[in-house]
Protein backbone atom coordinates (compact mmCIF):
# COMPACT_ATOMS: atom_id res chain seq x y z
CA UNK A 1 29.97 31.69 -43.55
CA UNK A 2 30.46 28.20 -42.19
CA UNK A 3 33.38 29.25 -40.01
CA UNK A 4 32.23 30.90 -36.82
CA UNK A 5 33.76 34.06 -35.36
CA UNK A 6 32.56 36.59 -32.84
CA UNK A 7 32.38 39.83 -34.82
CA UNK A 8 32.75 41.42 -38.23
CA UNK A 9 33.97 44.87 -39.20
CA UNK A 10 31.33 46.62 -41.28
CA UNK A 11 32.93 50.07 -41.20
CA UNK A 12 34.53 49.65 -44.63
CA UNK A 13 31.28 49.80 -46.53
CA UNK A 14 28.48 51.23 -44.40
CA UNK A 15 28.02 54.82 -43.26
CA UNK A 16 24.75 56.65 -42.41
CA UNK A 17 25.39 58.88 -45.44
CA UNK A 18 26.32 55.96 -47.69
CA UNK A 19 24.31 57.26 -50.65
CA UNK A 20 26.60 60.28 -50.78
CA UNK A 21 29.56 57.97 -51.36
CA UNK A 22 28.00 55.49 -53.80
CA UNK A 23 25.85 56.21 -56.84
CA UNK A 24 22.92 53.91 -56.02
CA UNK A 25 20.08 53.22 -58.43
CA UNK A 26 16.66 52.16 -57.22
CA UNK A 27 15.49 48.74 -58.39
CA UNK A 28 11.88 47.74 -58.95
CA UNK A 29 10.95 45.08 -56.41
CA UNK A 30 7.15 45.43 -56.00
CA UNK A 31 7.39 44.77 -52.26
CA UNK A 32 5.14 47.01 -50.16
CA UNK A 33 6.83 49.34 -47.64
CA UNK A 34 10.35 48.66 -48.91
CA UNK A 35 12.75 50.11 -51.47
CA UNK A 36 15.90 48.46 -52.79
CA UNK A 37 18.94 50.38 -54.03
CA UNK A 38 21.87 48.91 -55.95
CA UNK A 39 25.42 49.98 -56.71
CA UNK A 40 27.81 48.11 -58.99
CA UNK A 41 31.51 48.89 -59.02
CA UNK A 42 34.99 47.51 -58.49
CA UNK A 43 36.76 46.53 -55.29
CA UNK A 44 40.47 46.04 -56.00
CA UNK A 45 39.61 45.19 -59.62
CA UNK A 46 36.92 42.70 -58.52
CA UNK A 47 33.27 43.15 -59.47
CA UNK A 48 31.36 44.33 -56.40
CA UNK A 49 27.66 44.90 -55.69
CA UNK A 50 26.05 46.80 -52.82
CA UNK A 51 22.36 46.34 -52.04
CA UNK A 52 20.70 48.77 -49.65
CA UNK A 53 17.24 48.08 -48.24
CA UNK A 54 15.20 51.03 -46.99
CA UNK A 55 11.66 51.65 -45.88
CA UNK A 56 9.21 53.65 -48.00
CA UNK A 57 10.62 56.87 -46.51
CA UNK A 58 14.14 55.77 -47.55
CA UNK A 59 15.40 55.19 -44.03
CA UNK A 60 18.26 52.67 -44.21
CA UNK A 61 17.38 49.22 -42.86
CA UNK A 62 20.00 46.73 -44.06
CA UNK A 63 22.88 46.42 -46.49
CA UNK A 64 24.50 43.52 -48.28
CA UNK A 65 27.79 43.44 -50.17
CA UNK A 66 28.54 40.87 -52.89
CA UNK A 67 31.83 40.07 -54.61
CA UNK A 68 32.06 38.18 -57.91
CA UNK A 69 34.18 35.03 -57.58
CA UNK A 70 35.31 32.50 -60.16
CA UNK A 71 35.06 28.92 -58.89
CA UNK A 72 35.90 26.07 -61.23
CA UNK A 73 35.21 28.25 -64.28
CA UNK A 74 31.85 29.58 -63.08
CA UNK A 75 31.04 33.07 -61.77
CA UNK A 76 29.22 33.31 -58.44
CA UNK A 77 28.27 36.29 -56.30
CA UNK A 78 29.56 35.75 -52.81
CA UNK A 79 28.32 37.56 -49.72
CA UNK A 80 31.16 39.66 -48.38
CA UNK A 81 29.70 41.39 -45.31
CA UNK A 82 26.14 42.20 -44.42
CA UNK A 83 24.78 44.54 -41.82
CA UNK A 84 21.36 45.23 -40.33
CA UNK A 85 21.12 48.93 -39.52
CA UNK A 86 17.84 48.22 -37.73
CA UNK A 87 18.29 44.95 -35.86
CA UNK A 88 15.90 42.16 -34.87
CA UNK A 89 13.16 43.22 -37.30
CA UNK A 90 13.73 40.69 -40.09
CA UNK A 91 15.13 43.27 -42.52
CA UNK A 92 18.30 41.23 -43.07
CA UNK A 93 16.25 38.23 -44.13
CA UNK A 94 14.15 40.42 -46.45
CA UNK A 95 17.28 41.79 -48.13
CA UNK A 96 18.88 38.36 -48.47
CA UNK A 97 15.75 36.97 -50.11
CA UNK A 98 15.57 39.86 -52.57
CA UNK A 99 19.19 39.26 -53.55
CA UNK A 100 18.56 35.52 -53.90
CA UNK A 101 15.91 36.36 -56.48
CA UNK A 102 18.21 38.76 -58.33
CA UNK A 103 21.15 36.32 -58.45
CA UNK A 104 19.07 33.16 -58.62
CA UNK A 105 21.25 30.05 -58.42
CA UNK A 106 24.51 32.02 -58.26
CA UNK A 107 24.58 33.56 -54.79
CA UNK A 108 27.06 32.09 -52.31
CA UNK A 109 27.42 32.41 -48.57
CA UNK A 110 30.74 33.74 -47.32
CA UNK A 111 33.45 31.87 -45.44
CA UNK A 112 32.62 33.26 -42.00
CA UNK A 113 29.56 33.54 -39.83
CA UNK A 114 28.91 35.94 -36.99
CA UNK A 115 27.18 34.86 -33.82
CA UNK A 116 24.35 34.87 -33.16
CA UNK A 117 23.07 36.98 -36.08
CA UNK A 118 24.14 35.40 -39.36
CA UNK A 119 24.01 31.82 -38.12
CA UNK A 120 20.42 32.23 -36.94
CA UNK A 121 19.53 34.17 -40.09
CA UNK A 122 20.79 31.41 -42.37
CA UNK A 123 18.88 28.79 -40.41
CA UNK A 124 15.65 30.77 -40.94
CA UNK A 125 16.39 31.23 -44.64
CA UNK A 126 17.27 27.59 -45.23
CA UNK A 127 14.11 26.35 -43.55
CA UNK A 128 12.07 28.35 -46.08
CA UNK A 129 14.17 27.76 -49.20
CA UNK A 130 14.20 24.17 -50.52
CA UNK A 131 16.42 25.13 -53.47
CA UNK A 132 19.53 25.87 -51.42
CA UNK A 133 22.38 23.37 -51.74
CA UNK A 134 25.65 22.63 -49.98
CA UNK A 135 28.64 23.48 -52.18
CA UNK A 136 32.07 21.97 -51.53
CA UNK A 137 34.11 24.62 -53.34
CA UNK A 138 37.40 22.76 -52.88
CA UNK A 139 36.23 19.64 -54.71
CA UNK A 140 33.49 21.28 -56.84
CA UNK A 141 30.79 19.00 -55.44
CA UNK A 142 27.20 19.90 -54.56
CA UNK A 143 24.92 18.16 -52.09
CA UNK A 144 21.44 18.59 -50.62
CA UNK A 145 21.21 20.49 -47.33
CA UNK A 146 20.04 18.59 -44.27
CA UNK A 147 19.36 20.99 -41.41
CA UNK A 148 18.97 18.02 -39.09
CA UNK A 149 22.74 17.58 -39.37
CA UNK A 150 24.21 21.08 -39.11
CA UNK A 151 27.70 19.62 -38.77
CA UNK A 152 27.68 19.02 -42.52
CA UNK A 153 27.39 22.79 -43.08
CA UNK A 154 28.93 24.69 -40.18
CA UNK A 155 32.24 24.22 -38.44
CA UNK A 156 35.09 26.24 -37.00
CA UNK A 157 38.57 27.18 -38.25
CA UNK A 158 41.45 24.89 -37.37
CA UNK A 159 42.79 27.57 -35.01
CA UNK A 160 39.69 27.15 -32.82
CA UNK A 161 39.66 23.36 -32.73
CA UNK A 162 42.29 23.04 -30.00
CA UNK A 163 40.50 25.58 -27.83
CA UNK A 164 37.19 23.78 -28.27
CA UNK A 165 38.70 20.39 -27.51
CA UNK A 166 39.99 21.78 -24.21
CA UNK A 167 36.65 23.40 -23.26
CA UNK A 168 34.46 21.48 -20.86
CA UNK A 169 30.91 21.64 -22.17
CA UNK A 170 29.53 21.73 -18.60
CA UNK A 171 31.18 25.15 -18.14
CA UNK A 172 29.43 26.69 -21.13
CA UNK A 173 25.82 27.78 -20.78
CA UNK A 174 23.17 28.17 -23.44
CA UNK A 175 21.84 31.60 -24.41
CA UNK A 176 18.43 31.03 -22.80
CA UNK A 177 20.03 29.95 -19.54
CA UNK A 178 21.31 33.45 -18.81
CA UNK A 179 17.76 34.52 -17.96
CA UNK A 180 17.38 31.69 -15.46
CA UNK A 181 20.32 32.73 -13.29
CA UNK A 182 19.71 34.82 -10.17
CA UNK A 183 22.16 37.70 -10.42
CA UNK A 184 20.60 39.96 -7.79
CA UNK A 185 19.57 43.54 -8.37
CA UNK A 186 22.93 45.32 -8.61
CA UNK A 187 25.56 45.22 -11.33
CA UNK A 188 28.08 43.99 -8.77
CA UNK A 189 25.84 41.05 -7.95
CA UNK A 190 25.45 40.31 -11.67
CA UNK A 191 29.21 40.32 -12.26
CA UNK A 192 29.92 38.26 -9.16
CA UNK A 193 27.40 35.60 -10.10
CA UNK A 194 28.65 35.52 -13.69
CA UNK A 195 32.25 35.05 -12.56
CA UNK A 196 31.22 32.26 -10.20
CA UNK A 197 29.39 30.46 -12.97
CA UNK A 198 32.00 30.72 -15.71
CA UNK A 199 35.75 31.11 -15.59
CA UNK A 200 37.22 34.03 -17.52
CA UNK A 201 38.40 31.79 -20.36
CA UNK A 202 35.05 30.06 -20.58
CA UNK A 203 33.28 33.42 -20.78
CA UNK A 204 35.50 34.42 -23.68
CA UNK A 205 35.07 31.13 -25.51
CA UNK A 206 31.28 31.22 -25.05
CA UNK A 207 31.22 34.16 -27.46
CA UNK A 208 32.83 31.93 -30.09
CA UNK A 209 30.56 28.92 -29.68
CA UNK A 210 27.00 28.56 -30.85
CA UNK A 211 24.54 26.34 -29.05
CA UNK A 212 24.92 23.59 -31.61
CA UNK A 213 28.67 23.47 -30.93
CA UNK A 214 27.92 23.20 -27.22
CA UNK A 215 25.68 20.27 -28.11
CA UNK A 216 28.61 18.78 -29.99
CA UNK A 217 30.81 19.06 -26.93
CA UNK A 218 28.07 17.53 -24.80
CA UNK A 219 27.51 14.61 -27.17
CA UNK A 220 31.16 14.23 -28.14
CA UNK A 221 30.42 14.99 -31.80
CA UNK A 222 33.41 15.72 -34.02
CA UNK A 223 33.78 19.35 -35.12
CA UNK A 224 35.73 20.07 -38.31
CA UNK A 225 37.00 23.01 -40.29
CA UNK A 226 34.35 23.38 -43.00
CA UNK A 227 35.55 26.62 -44.57
CA UNK A 228 35.28 24.93 -47.97
CA UNK A 229 31.56 24.25 -47.47
CA UNK A 230 29.37 27.12 -48.67
CA UNK A 231 25.65 27.55 -49.21
CA UNK A 232 24.57 28.13 -52.81
CA UNK A 233 21.18 29.69 -53.50
């Protein structure tokens, strides 16, 4: 999760008729208006878990895939793709929290993070969960999480560092600034104004940078590859 990329392929494990492909069993969760279904199997000889959240009418809302990993002699269950079928309703956070309870103390974030969804989701979760810790899986060290210093948790892969170092922060706008620009009424006016504001390369790179990385560029903070830093719940 800590490494930031622009998209994630969820086609491998989610399909509208997913319960025809996997033999899910319903779990008791005692949460009004929701149902939780679970499938346990193997993925290339690795223990794999699928959790499917539905409403009371069994309409799919969100899905989470976990893979068992052995780190320093201990088994953890690492998030390996998640997907909100119904977006922007908080169903992803509900599913994550249910899985935290099921795998209490042994659930790991993954090595990548999509923007803006997963990054923002984790920030919400971490604000509400004081038991989460920062896990350096390379050196087998665990630390408290300080959300006031996100640079201790999130970073970018080495392959992005050169691009970021060459990006002028003044050319990259924040998400909420899009609404403040006057694009005119037509699509042509929108595109013209957008092109004037950002170069083509800057537009592409903006999809790879979160606001906190823009802040780093602005304040000349050092950005590192933190792929070895995971969140343990």
